[in-house]
Amino acid sequence: MIVVLDFGMGNIHSLLKAVSLYTSDFQFTNDIETVKKADKIILPGDGHFDKAMQNLNEAGFSSVLKDHVAANKPLFGICIGYQVLFEDSDETSKPGTTIPGLGFIRGKIRKFEGKQNLKVPHMGWNKLFDIKAKNTKLLKGISNESFMYFIHSYRPVGVDRLDVTANCHYYGESFPAVVEKESVFGTQFHPEKSDATGLGILKNFIEL
């Protein structure tokens, strides 16, 4: 069974519809006992890092997710669910502070630096580059320069390049758009909103 985790970060209707294209064996739930029994977990949503981690911690999901990964079961983070896979973020209500993430992937979440003509948030269609075709399960069958739909103001920095299976370029900066480490997978973009190519990524995860 696949669990799409309901941890209060919203914007999941299109994801549930997309998952239903490939399997009926899934639940969108916040029931912790059901989550513990999941074979695969999708961690979706939009919003702020500090609120996402607060919700995960208060509901007891953080420890459940860590047990899930320790058991080598697949976990797929999307958008804010992608960012919480990393070590920490400075997207907090207190400037100059950071808040810990789940720590599955080495790297930190930081806001795009203010450069001339840089538009934040990074919103809309952009291409994937540097796809590691031989080292990816999530991007199987996905070509370089495939367009995906992004909406975010923060991105990972200091990520181990061995964990990065695709990058995206934005105003001269390259940032990790897809990570894969053992049973942990993540995309900064929304595969469920990225037409047939993005749906192929979601299908790849479901069929692991």
Foldseek 3Di string as FASTA:
>chain_A
DEEEEPLPQDDCPLVVVLVVVQDPPYYHDLPLVVLLPHLEYEDEHDDFLVSSVVSCVVSVNLVSVVVCVVVLRAYEYEASRQQLLEAWEQRDPDHPDIDGGSHNFYWYKYFDDDDPPFDPPPFAKFWKAQAPQVLDLLQPPPDGGQIFTAHHGIATPPTDVSQARIWTDGPRDIGRQWGDDRRYIYGNTQLSPRPPSSSSSVNSNVVD
